[in-house]
Amino acid sequence: MEPMVNLLKAIADLNEEVIRLAARFDQSSSESLVYSVEQAAEVLGVSRSKMYDLLHRPDFPVVDLGHRRVIPRKQLSAWLDQQCMKKAR
């Protein structure tokens, strides 16, 4: 019976560690200053090709970092707010 108890304790400890790691992952990804193109597309609920269309708009917030394009989180939120205000008029 003791080996079974030890196994269950080890599983419980492992489960706690997985929960801690998942919480750290969620926290670090939610605190990111920028989105990748793929992340921004997911957040906006659009396809990757539509996201690339948006990147070419002069009013869309995008930053070139070398060969990588990123979308600042705060500016994307502000851009969305602006789009909503335009639509409300």
N, C-alpha and C. Protein backbone atom coordinates (compact mmCIF):
# COMPACT_ATOMS: atom_id res chain seq x y z
N MET A 1 0.82 -1.20 0.00
CA MET A 1 0.00 0.00 0.00
C MET A 1 0.86 1.26 0.00
N GLU A 2 2.03 1.20 0.68
CA GLU A 2 2.90 2.36 0.78
C GLU A 2 3.41 2.83 -0.59
N PRO A 3 3.79 1.93 -1.51
CA PRO A 3 4.22 2.40 -2.83
C PRO A 3 3.11 3.19 -3.54
N MET A 4 1.88 2.78 -3.36
CA MET A 4 0.76 3.48 -3.98
C MET A 4 0.62 4.88 -3.40
N VAL A 5 0.76 5.03 -2.10
CA VAL A 5 0.68 6.32 -1.44
C VAL A 5 1.81 7.22 -1.93
N ASN A 6 3.01 6.67 -2.04
CA ASN A 6 4.15 7.45 -2.55
C ASN A 6 3.91 7.90 -3.99
N LEU A 7 3.37 7.02 -4.79
CA LEU A 7 3.07 7.37 -6.18
C LEU A 7 2.03 8.49 -6.25
N LEU A 8 0.98 8.39 -5.47
CA LEU A 8 -0.05 9.43 -5.46
C LEU A 8 0.51 10.76 -4.97
N LYS A 9 1.40 10.73 -3.99
CA LYS A 9 2.03 11.96 -3.51
C LYS A 9 2.90 12.57 -4.60
N ALA A 10 3.64 11.74 -5.31
CA ALA A 10 4.49 12.24 -6.40
C ALA A 10 3.64 12.85 -7.51
N ILE A 11 2.52 12.24 -7.81
CA ILE A 11 1.61 12.78 -8.84
C ILE A 11 1.04 14.12 -8.38
N ALA A 12 0.67 14.22 -7.12
CA ALA A 12 0.13 15.49 -6.59
C ALA A 12 1.18 16.58 -6.64
N ASP A 13 2.43 16.24 -6.27
CA ASP A 13 3.52 17.23 -6.33
C ASP A 13 3.77 17.68 -7.76
N LEU A 14 3.77 16.74 -8.68
CA LEU A 14 3.96 17.06 -10.09
C LEU A 14 2.83 17.94 -10.61
N ASN A 15 1.62 17.65 -10.21
CA ASN A 15 0.47 18.44 -10.62
C ASN A 15 0.60 19.89 -10.13
N GLU A 16 1.04 20.05 -8.88
CA GLU A 16 1.23 21.40 -8.33
C GLU A 16 2.29 22.16 -9.12
N GLU A 17 3.36 21.47 -9.50
CA GLU A 17 4.43 22.12 -10.27
C GLU A 17 3.92 22.54 -11.66
N VAL A 18 3.13 21.70 -12.29
CA VAL A 18 2.54 22.03 -13.60
C VAL A 18 1.65 23.27 -13.48
N ILE A 19 0.87 23.34 -12.44
CA ILE A 19 -0.01 24.50 -12.22
C ILE A 19 0.82 25.76 -12.01
N ARG A 20 1.91 25.67 -11.24
CA ARG A 20 2.79 26.84 -11.03
C ARG A 20 3.42 27.29 -12.34
N LEU A 21 3.91 26.34 -13.13
CA LEU A 21 4.53 26.69 -14.41
C LEU A 21 3.52 27.30 -15.38
N ALA A 22 2.33 26.77 -15.41
CA ALA A 22 1.28 27.31 -16.29
C ALA A 22 0.92 28.73 -15.88
N ALA A 23 0.85 28.99 -14.60
CA ALA A 23 0.54 30.33 -14.12
C ALA A 23 1.65 31.31 -14.50
N ARG A 24 2.90 30.89 -14.38
CA ARG A 24 4.02 31.75 -14.79
C ARG A 24 3.98 32.02 -16.27
N PHE A 25 3.67 31.01 -17.08
CA PHE A 25 3.58 31.18 -18.53
C PHE A 25 2.47 32.16 -18.88
N ASP A 26 1.31 32.01 -18.27
CA ASP A 26 0.20 32.93 -18.53
C ASP A 26 0.56 34.35 -18.15
N GLN A 27 1.22 34.52 -17.03
CA GLN A 27 1.59 35.85 -16.55
C GLN A 27 2.61 36.48 -17.48
N SER A 28 3.62 35.74 -17.90
CA SER A 28 4.66 36.33 -18.75
C SER A 28 4.12 36.67 -20.12
N SER A 29 3.23 35.85 -20.68
CA SER A 29 2.70 36.14 -22.00
C SER A 29 1.71 37.30 -21.95
N SER A 30 1.01 37.47 -20.84
CA SER A 30 0.05 38.56 -20.75
C SER A 30 0.74 39.89 -20.49
N GLU A 31 1.99 39.87 -20.04
CA GLU A 31 2.71 41.09 -19.74
C GLU A 31 3.60 41.54 -20.89
N SER A 32 3.60 40.81 -21.99
CA SER A 32 4.43 41.16 -23.13
C SER A 32 4.04 42.54 -23.65
N LEU A 33 5.03 43.32 -24.04
CA LEU A 33 4.76 44.67 -24.55
C LEU A 33 4.25 44.66 -25.98
N VAL A 34 4.58 43.61 -26.72
CA VAL A 34 4.22 43.56 -28.13
C VAL A 34 3.63 42.19 -28.49
N TYR A 35 2.89 42.20 -29.58
CA TYR A 35 2.39 40.96 -30.18
C TYR A 35 3.20 40.66 -31.43
N SER A 36 3.39 39.39 -31.71
CA SER A 36 3.88 39.00 -33.02
C SER A 36 2.72 39.17 -33.99
N VAL A 37 3.00 39.07 -35.28
CA VAL A 37 1.93 39.18 -36.27
C VAL A 37 0.89 38.09 -36.03
N GLU A 38 1.34 36.89 -35.75
CA GLU A 38 0.42 35.77 -35.52
C GLU A 38 -0.40 35.98 -34.25
N GLN A 39 0.23 36.47 -33.19
CA GLN A 39 -0.49 36.73 -31.94
C GLN A 39 -1.54 37.82 -32.13
N ALA A 40 -1.16 38.88 -32.84
CA ALA A 40 -2.11 39.98 -33.08
C ALA A 40 -3.30 39.48 -33.90
N ALA A 41 -3.03 38.65 -34.90
CA ALA A 41 -4.12 38.09 -35.70
C ALA A 41 -5.07 37.28 -34.83
N GLU A 42 -4.51 36.50 -33.92
CA GLU A 42 -5.34 35.70 -33.02
C GLU A 42 -6.16 36.59 -32.10
N VAL A 43 -5.52 37.63 -31.54
CA VAL A 43 -6.21 38.54 -30.63
C VAL A 43 -7.35 39.25 -31.35
N LEU A 44 -7.09 39.67 -32.59
CA LEU A 44 -8.12 40.38 -33.35
C LEU A 44 -9.15 39.44 -33.96
N GLY A 45 -8.83 38.17 -34.00
CA GLY A 45 -9.76 37.20 -34.59
C GLY A 45 -9.82 37.27 -36.10
N VAL A 46 -8.66 37.57 -36.71
CA VAL A 46 -8.60 37.66 -38.17
C VAL A 46 -7.58 36.65 -38.69
N SER A 47 -7.64 36.40 -39.97
CA SER A 47 -6.68 35.48 -40.59
C SER A 47 -5.31 36.14 -40.68
N ARG A 48 -4.32 35.33 -40.93
CA ARG A 48 -2.96 35.87 -41.08
C ARG A 48 -2.87 36.80 -42.29
N SER A 49 -3.54 36.44 -43.37
CA SER A 49 -3.48 37.30 -44.56
C SER A 49 -4.18 38.64 -44.31
N LYS A 50 -5.29 38.63 -43.58
CA LYS A 50 -5.96 39.89 -43.22
C LYS A 50 -5.06 40.72 -42.32
N MET A 51 -4.31 40.05 -41.44
CA MET A 51 -3.40 40.76 -40.55
C MET A 51 -2.33 41.48 -41.37
N TYR A 52 -1.82 40.82 -42.40
CA TYR A 52 -0.81 41.46 -43.25
C TYR A 52 -1.42 42.63 -44.02
N ASP A 53 -2.69 42.54 -44.38
CA ASP A 53 -3.37 43.69 -45.00
C ASP A 53 -3.39 44.87 -44.03
N LEU A 54 -3.71 44.58 -42.77
CA LEU A 54 -3.75 45.64 -41.75
C LEU A 54 -2.37 46.27 -41.55
N LEU A 55 -1.33 45.46 -41.62
CA LEU A 55 0.03 45.98 -41.42
C LEU A 55 0.41 47.04 -42.45
N HIS A 56 -0.24 47.00 -43.60
CA HIS A 56 0.07 47.96 -44.66
C HIS A 56 -0.75 49.24 -44.56
N ARG A 57 -1.68 49.28 -43.63
CA ARG A 57 -2.45 50.52 -43.44
C ARG A 57 -1.58 51.56 -42.75
N PRO A 58 -1.64 52.80 -43.21
CA PRO A 58 -0.79 53.83 -42.60
C PRO A 58 -1.14 54.13 -41.13
N ASP A 59 -2.39 53.88 -40.74
CA ASP A 59 -2.79 54.18 -39.36
C ASP A 59 -2.62 53.00 -38.41
N PHE A 60 -2.20 51.85 -38.92
CA PHE A 60 -2.07 50.67 -38.07
C PHE A 60 -0.74 50.68 -37.33
N PRO A 61 -0.75 50.42 -36.01
CA PRO A 61 0.48 50.49 -35.23
C PRO A 61 1.36 49.25 -35.41
N VAL A 62 2.46 49.42 -36.09
CA VAL A 62 3.41 48.33 -36.29
C VAL A 62 4.82 48.89 -36.19
N VAL A 63 5.70 48.09 -35.61
CA VAL A 63 7.09 48.49 -35.44
C VAL A 63 7.97 47.44 -36.11
N ASP A 64 8.91 47.91 -36.91
CA ASP A 64 9.88 47.00 -37.53
C ASP A 64 11.08 46.87 -36.61
N LEU A 65 11.37 45.64 -36.22
CA LEU A 65 12.55 45.34 -35.40
C LEU A 65 13.45 44.42 -36.21
N GLY A 66 14.33 45.03 -36.98
CA GLY A 66 15.16 44.24 -37.87
C GLY A 66 14.28 43.61 -38.94
N HIS A 67 14.30 42.30 -39.02
CA HIS A 67 13.48 41.59 -40.00
C HIS A 67 12.14 41.16 -39.42
N ARG A 68 11.84 41.61 -38.23
CA ARG A 68 10.61 41.20 -37.54
C ARG A 68 9.68 42.39 -37.38
N ARG A 69 8.40 42.16 -37.57
CA ARG A 69 7.40 43.19 -37.36
C ARG A 69 6.60 42.81 -36.12
N VAL A 70 6.42 43.78 -35.22
CA VAL A 70 5.66 43.54 -34.00
C VAL A 70 4.62 44.63 -33.84
N ILE A 71 3.59 44.33 -33.10
CA ILE A 71 2.49 45.26 -32.87
C ILE A 71 2.46 45.57 -31.37
N PRO A 72 2.73 46.83 -31.00
CA PRO A 72 2.69 47.19 -29.58
C PRO A 72 1.28 47.02 -29.01
N ARG A 73 1.21 46.36 -27.88
CA ARG A 73 -0.06 46.02 -27.24
C ARG A 73 -0.91 47.26 -26.95
N LYS A 74 -0.34 48.27 -26.34
CA LYS A 74 -1.11 49.46 -25.96
C LYS A 74 -1.59 50.23 -27.19
N GLN A 75 -0.72 50.34 -28.19
CA GLN A 75 -1.11 51.06 -29.41
C GLN A 75 -2.18 50.30 -30.19
N LEU A 76 -2.14 48.98 -30.15
CA LEU A 76 -3.18 48.21 -30.81
C LEU A 76 -4.53 48.46 -30.14
N SER A 77 -4.51 48.49 -28.82
CA SER A 77 -5.74 48.76 -28.08
C SER A 77 -6.28 50.15 -28.42
N ALA A 78 -5.38 51.14 -28.48
CA ALA A 78 -5.79 52.51 -28.82
C ALA A 78 -6.32 52.57 -30.26
N TRP A 79 -5.67 51.84 -31.16
CA TRP A 79 -6.12 51.81 -32.56
C TRP A 79 -7.53 51.21 -32.65
N LEU A 80 -7.77 50.15 -31.90
CA LEU A 80 -9.11 49.54 -31.88
C LEU A 80 -10.15 50.52 -31.36
N ASP A 81 -9.79 51.26 -30.30
CA ASP A 81 -10.71 52.27 -29.76
C ASP A 81 -11.03 53.33 -30.83
N GLN A 82 -10.01 53.74 -31.57
CA GLN A 82 -10.22 54.73 -32.64
C GLN A 82 -11.16 54.18 -33.71
N GLN A 83 -10.98 52.91 -34.06
CA GLN A 83 -11.84 52.30 -35.07
C GLN A 83 -13.29 52.27 -34.60
N CYS A 84 -13.48 52.00 -33.32
CA CYS A 84 -14.83 51.98 -32.76
C CYS A 84 -15.45 53.37 -32.78
N MET A 85 -14.65 54.38 -32.48
CA MET A 85 -15.14 55.77 -32.48
C MET A 85 -15.54 56.18 -33.90
N LYS A 86 -14.75 55.79 -34.89
CA LYS A 86 -15.06 56.12 -36.28
C LYS A 86 -16.37 55.46 -36.69
N LYS A 87 -16.56 54.23 -36.26
CA LYS A 87 -17.76 53.47 -36.61
C LYS A 87 -19.00 54.07 -35.95
N ALA A 88 -18.83 54.64 -34.75
CA ALA A 88 -19.96 55.20 -34.01
C ALA A 88 -20.46 56.52 -34.61
N ARG A 89 -19.61 57.15 -35.39
CA ARG A 89 -20.01 58.47 -35.97
C ARG A 89 -20.99 58.32 -37.07
